[in-house]
Amino acid sequence: MWELYVYSFVAGVLGANGVPHFIKGVTGHKHQTPFGKGSSAVVNVVWGWVNFVVAGGFLYEADVHRHLIRAFGMVAIGAL
């Protein structure tokens, strides 16, 4: 059960972190990534996409369909 809480929380953090990087990259703006300050738009799109994919992997491993309300709550807290 602890995996549900931890994995859902991490998925929320990564999913929320991917949004600004992906949006900045798609709109063609530079944004800071772990690879450097003012990373290019392409790097930001890829970094945002990687965040989304890893968040999806965590949600898959968390087995959220068994405890959907708890998982949603932890994702929301992680995104906050």
N, C-alpha and C. Protein backbone atom coordinates (compact mmCIF):
# COMPACT_ATOMS: atom_id res chain seq x y z
N MET A 1 0.82 -1.19 0.00
CA MET A 1 0.00 0.00 0.00
C MET A 1 0.87 1.26 0.00
N TRP A 2 2.04 1.21 0.63
CA TRP A 2 2.88 2.40 0.67
C TRP A 2 3.34 2.79 -0.73
N GLU A 3 3.49 1.79 -1.63
CA GLU A 3 3.90 2.09 -2.99
C GLU A 3 2.87 2.98 -3.68
N LEU A 4 1.60 2.74 -3.42
CA LEU A 4 0.55 3.55 -4.01
C LEU A 4 0.75 5.02 -3.65
N TYR A 5 0.99 5.29 -2.39
CA TYR A 5 1.15 6.68 -1.94
C TYR A 5 2.42 7.32 -2.50
N VAL A 6 3.53 6.62 -2.42
CA VAL A 6 4.80 7.19 -2.88
C VAL A 6 4.81 7.35 -4.40
N TYR A 7 4.42 6.32 -5.12
CA TYR A 7 4.45 6.37 -6.58
C TYR A 7 3.46 7.40 -7.12
N SER A 8 2.30 7.48 -6.51
CA SER A 8 1.31 8.47 -6.96
C SER A 8 1.80 9.89 -6.69
N PHE A 9 2.41 10.10 -5.55
CA PHE A 9 2.96 11.41 -5.22
C PHE A 9 4.05 11.81 -6.21
N VAL A 10 4.98 10.90 -6.47
CA VAL A 10 6.07 11.19 -7.41
C VAL A 10 5.52 11.43 -8.81
N ALA A 11 4.50 10.68 -9.20
CA ALA A 11 3.87 10.90 -10.51
C ALA A 11 3.27 12.30 -10.59
N GLY A 12 2.66 12.76 -9.52
CA GLY A 12 2.11 14.11 -9.50
C GLY A 12 3.19 15.17 -9.63
N VAL A 13 4.29 14.97 -8.92
CA VAL A 13 5.40 15.92 -8.99
C VAL A 13 5.97 15.97 -10.41
N LEU A 14 6.24 14.80 -10.99
CA LEU A 14 6.83 14.77 -12.32
C LEU A 14 5.87 15.26 -13.40
N GLY A 15 4.60 14.90 -13.27
CA GLY A 15 3.62 15.36 -14.25
C GLY A 15 3.46 16.86 -14.23
N ALA A 16 3.41 17.44 -13.03
CA ALA A 16 3.30 18.89 -12.92
C ALA A 16 4.57 19.58 -13.40
N ASN A 17 5.72 18.97 -13.15
CA ASN A 17 6.98 19.56 -13.60
C ASN A 17 7.11 19.51 -15.12
N GLY A 18 6.52 18.54 -15.75
CA GLY A 18 6.62 18.43 -17.19
C GLY A 18 5.83 19.48 -17.95
N VAL A 19 4.78 20.00 -17.35
CA VAL A 19 3.90 20.94 -18.04
C VAL A 19 4.63 22.21 -18.48
N PRO A 20 5.30 22.95 -17.58
CA PRO A 20 5.93 24.20 -18.05
C PRO A 20 7.04 23.96 -19.07
N HIS A 21 7.79 22.87 -18.91
CA HIS A 21 8.85 22.59 -19.87
C HIS A 21 8.26 22.28 -21.25
N PHE A 22 7.24 21.45 -21.28
CA PHE A 22 6.62 21.09 -22.55
C PHE A 22 5.98 22.30 -23.22
N ILE A 23 5.26 23.10 -22.46
CA ILE A 23 4.59 24.29 -23.03
C ILE A 23 5.62 25.29 -23.54
N LYS A 24 6.65 25.56 -22.75
CA LYS A 24 7.68 26.50 -23.20
C LYS A 24 8.37 25.99 -24.47
N GLY A 25 8.63 24.68 -24.50
CA GLY A 25 9.29 24.12 -25.68
C GLY A 25 8.42 24.17 -26.92
N VAL A 26 7.15 23.84 -26.77
CA VAL A 26 6.23 23.84 -27.91
C VAL A 26 6.05 25.25 -28.46
N THR A 27 6.05 26.23 -27.58
CA THR A 27 5.89 27.61 -28.03
C THR A 27 7.20 28.24 -28.50
N GLY A 28 8.30 27.48 -28.42
CA GLY A 28 9.57 27.96 -28.96
C GLY A 28 10.39 28.81 -28.02
N HIS A 29 10.09 28.82 -26.75
CA HIS A 29 10.83 29.63 -25.79
C HIS A 29 11.88 28.81 -25.05
N LYS A 30 12.92 29.49 -24.59
CA LYS A 30 13.93 28.85 -23.76
C LYS A 30 13.43 28.79 -22.32
N HIS A 31 13.87 27.77 -21.61
CA HIS A 31 13.48 27.59 -20.21
C HIS A 31 14.55 26.75 -19.55
N GLN A 32 14.76 26.96 -18.26
CA GLN A 32 15.81 26.23 -17.55
C GLN A 32 15.43 24.77 -17.35
N THR A 33 16.37 23.89 -17.64
CA THR A 33 16.24 22.46 -17.37
C THR A 33 17.44 22.03 -16.54
N PRO A 34 17.47 20.79 -16.10
CA PRO A 34 18.66 20.31 -15.39
C PRO A 34 19.92 20.31 -16.25
N PHE A 35 19.76 20.46 -17.56
CA PHE A 35 20.90 20.44 -18.47
C PHE A 35 21.53 21.82 -18.66
N GLY A 36 20.93 22.84 -18.09
CA GLY A 36 21.51 24.16 -18.19
C GLY A 36 20.47 25.26 -18.21
N LYS A 37 20.94 26.45 -17.91
CA LYS A 37 20.06 27.62 -17.90
C LYS A 37 19.79 28.05 -19.33
N GLY A 38 18.55 28.29 -19.63
CA GLY A 38 18.18 28.73 -20.96
C GLY A 38 18.31 27.64 -22.01
N SER A 39 17.86 26.44 -21.67
CA SER A 39 17.92 25.33 -22.61
C SER A 39 17.00 25.60 -23.80
N SER A 40 17.34 25.01 -24.93
CA SER A 40 16.58 25.26 -26.16
C SER A 40 15.17 24.70 -26.06
N ALA A 41 14.35 25.09 -27.01
CA ALA A 41 12.96 24.64 -27.05
C ALA A 41 12.88 23.13 -27.24
N VAL A 42 13.74 22.57 -28.06
CA VAL A 42 13.73 21.13 -28.31
C VAL A 42 14.06 20.37 -27.03
N VAL A 43 15.05 20.83 -26.30
CA VAL A 43 15.42 20.19 -25.04
C VAL A 43 14.25 20.25 -24.06
N ASN A 44 13.54 21.36 -24.04
CA ASN A 44 12.41 21.49 -23.13
C ASN A 44 11.25 20.58 -23.51
N VAL A 45 10.98 20.42 -24.80
CA VAL A 45 9.93 19.50 -25.23
C VAL A 45 10.30 18.08 -24.82
N VAL A 46 11.53 17.69 -25.06
CA VAL A 46 11.96 16.34 -24.71
C VAL A 46 11.93 16.15 -23.20
N TRP A 47 12.40 17.14 -22.44
CA TRP A 47 12.41 17.03 -20.98
C TRP A 47 10.98 16.94 -20.43
N GLY A 48 10.07 17.73 -20.95
CA GLY A 48 8.69 17.64 -20.51
C GLY A 48 8.08 16.30 -20.85
N TRP A 49 8.36 15.79 -22.06
CA TRP A 49 7.85 14.49 -22.47
C TRP A 49 8.41 13.37 -21.59
N VAL A 50 9.69 13.45 -21.27
CA VAL A 50 10.29 12.44 -20.38
C VAL A 50 9.61 12.48 -19.01
N ASN A 51 9.33 13.65 -18.50
CA ASN A 51 8.62 13.75 -17.23
C ASN A 51 7.24 13.09 -17.31
N PHE A 52 6.52 13.31 -18.40
CA PHE A 52 5.20 12.70 -18.57
C PHE A 52 5.29 11.17 -18.64
N VAL A 53 6.27 10.67 -19.37
CA VAL A 53 6.43 9.23 -19.52
C VAL A 53 6.80 8.57 -18.19
N VAL A 54 7.72 9.17 -17.47
CA VAL A 54 8.12 8.60 -16.17
C VAL A 54 6.96 8.68 -15.19
N ALA A 55 6.20 9.77 -15.21
CA ALA A 55 5.02 9.88 -14.34
C ALA A 55 4.01 8.79 -14.68
N GLY A 56 3.81 8.54 -15.96
CA GLY A 56 2.91 7.46 -16.37
C GLY A 56 3.41 6.10 -15.90
N GLY A 57 4.71 5.89 -15.95
CA GLY A 57 5.29 4.65 -15.45
C GLY A 57 5.06 4.46 -13.97
N PHE A 58 5.21 5.54 -13.21
CA PHE A 58 4.95 5.46 -11.77
C PHE A 58 3.48 5.16 -11.50
N LEU A 59 2.58 5.77 -12.26
CA LEU A 59 1.16 5.49 -12.08
C LEU A 59 0.82 4.05 -12.44
N TYR A 60 1.47 3.53 -13.47
CA TYR A 60 1.24 2.14 -13.85
C TYR A 60 1.71 1.20 -12.73
N GLU A 61 2.86 1.47 -12.18
CA GLU A 61 3.40 0.62 -11.11
C GLU A 61 2.65 0.79 -9.79
N ALA A 62 2.00 1.92 -9.61
CA ALA A 62 1.27 2.17 -8.37
C ALA A 62 -0.02 1.37 -8.29
N ASP A 63 -0.47 0.80 -9.41
CA ASP A 63 -1.70 0.01 -9.43
C ASP A 63 -2.88 0.86 -8.94
N VAL A 64 -3.06 2.00 -9.58
CA VAL A 64 -4.03 2.99 -9.12
C VAL A 64 -5.48 2.56 -9.29
N HIS A 65 -5.76 1.62 -10.17
CA HIS A 65 -7.15 1.24 -10.39
C HIS A 65 -7.78 0.56 -9.17
N ARG A 66 -6.98 0.08 -8.26
CA ARG A 66 -7.51 -0.58 -7.07
C ARG A 66 -7.92 0.44 -5.99
N HIS A 67 -7.24 1.57 -5.94
CA HIS A 67 -7.51 2.61 -4.94
C HIS A 67 -7.49 3.97 -5.64
N LEU A 68 -8.44 4.19 -6.50
CA LEU A 68 -8.44 5.35 -7.38
C LEU A 68 -8.51 6.67 -6.62
N ILE A 69 -9.35 6.77 -5.61
CA ILE A 69 -9.50 8.02 -4.87
C ILE A 69 -8.22 8.38 -4.11
N ARG A 70 -7.62 7.39 -3.47
CA ARG A 70 -6.36 7.65 -2.74
C ARG A 70 -5.26 8.06 -3.70
N ALA A 71 -5.18 7.37 -4.82
CA ALA A 71 -4.14 7.69 -5.81
C ALA A 71 -4.36 9.10 -6.36
N PHE A 72 -5.59 9.46 -6.68
CA PHE A 72 -5.88 10.80 -7.19
C PHE A 72 -5.48 11.85 -6.16
N GLY A 73 -5.78 11.60 -4.90
CA GLY A 73 -5.40 12.54 -3.84
C GLY A 73 -3.91 12.75 -3.75
N MET A 74 -3.15 11.66 -3.86
CA MET A 74 -1.70 11.78 -3.77
C MET A 74 -1.11 12.45 -5.01
N VAL A 75 -1.68 12.18 -6.18
CA VAL A 75 -1.23 12.86 -7.38
C VAL A 75 -1.49 14.36 -7.26
N ALA A 76 -2.65 14.71 -6.74
CA ALA A 76 -3.00 16.14 -6.57
C ALA A 76 -2.06 16.81 -5.57
N ILE A 77 -1.74 16.13 -4.49
CA ILE A 77 -0.79 16.70 -3.50
C ILE A 77 0.58 16.83 -4.12
N GLY A 78 1.02 15.84 -4.88
CA GLY A 78 2.31 15.92 -5.54
C GLY A 78 2.37 17.04 -6.56
N ALA A 79 1.29 17.25 -7.28
CA ALA A 79 1.27 18.33 -8.26
C ALA A 79 1.26 19.70 -7.60
N LEU A 80 0.67 19.76 -6.42
CA LEU A 80 0.62 21.03 -5.69
C LEU A 80 2.01 21.45 -5.27
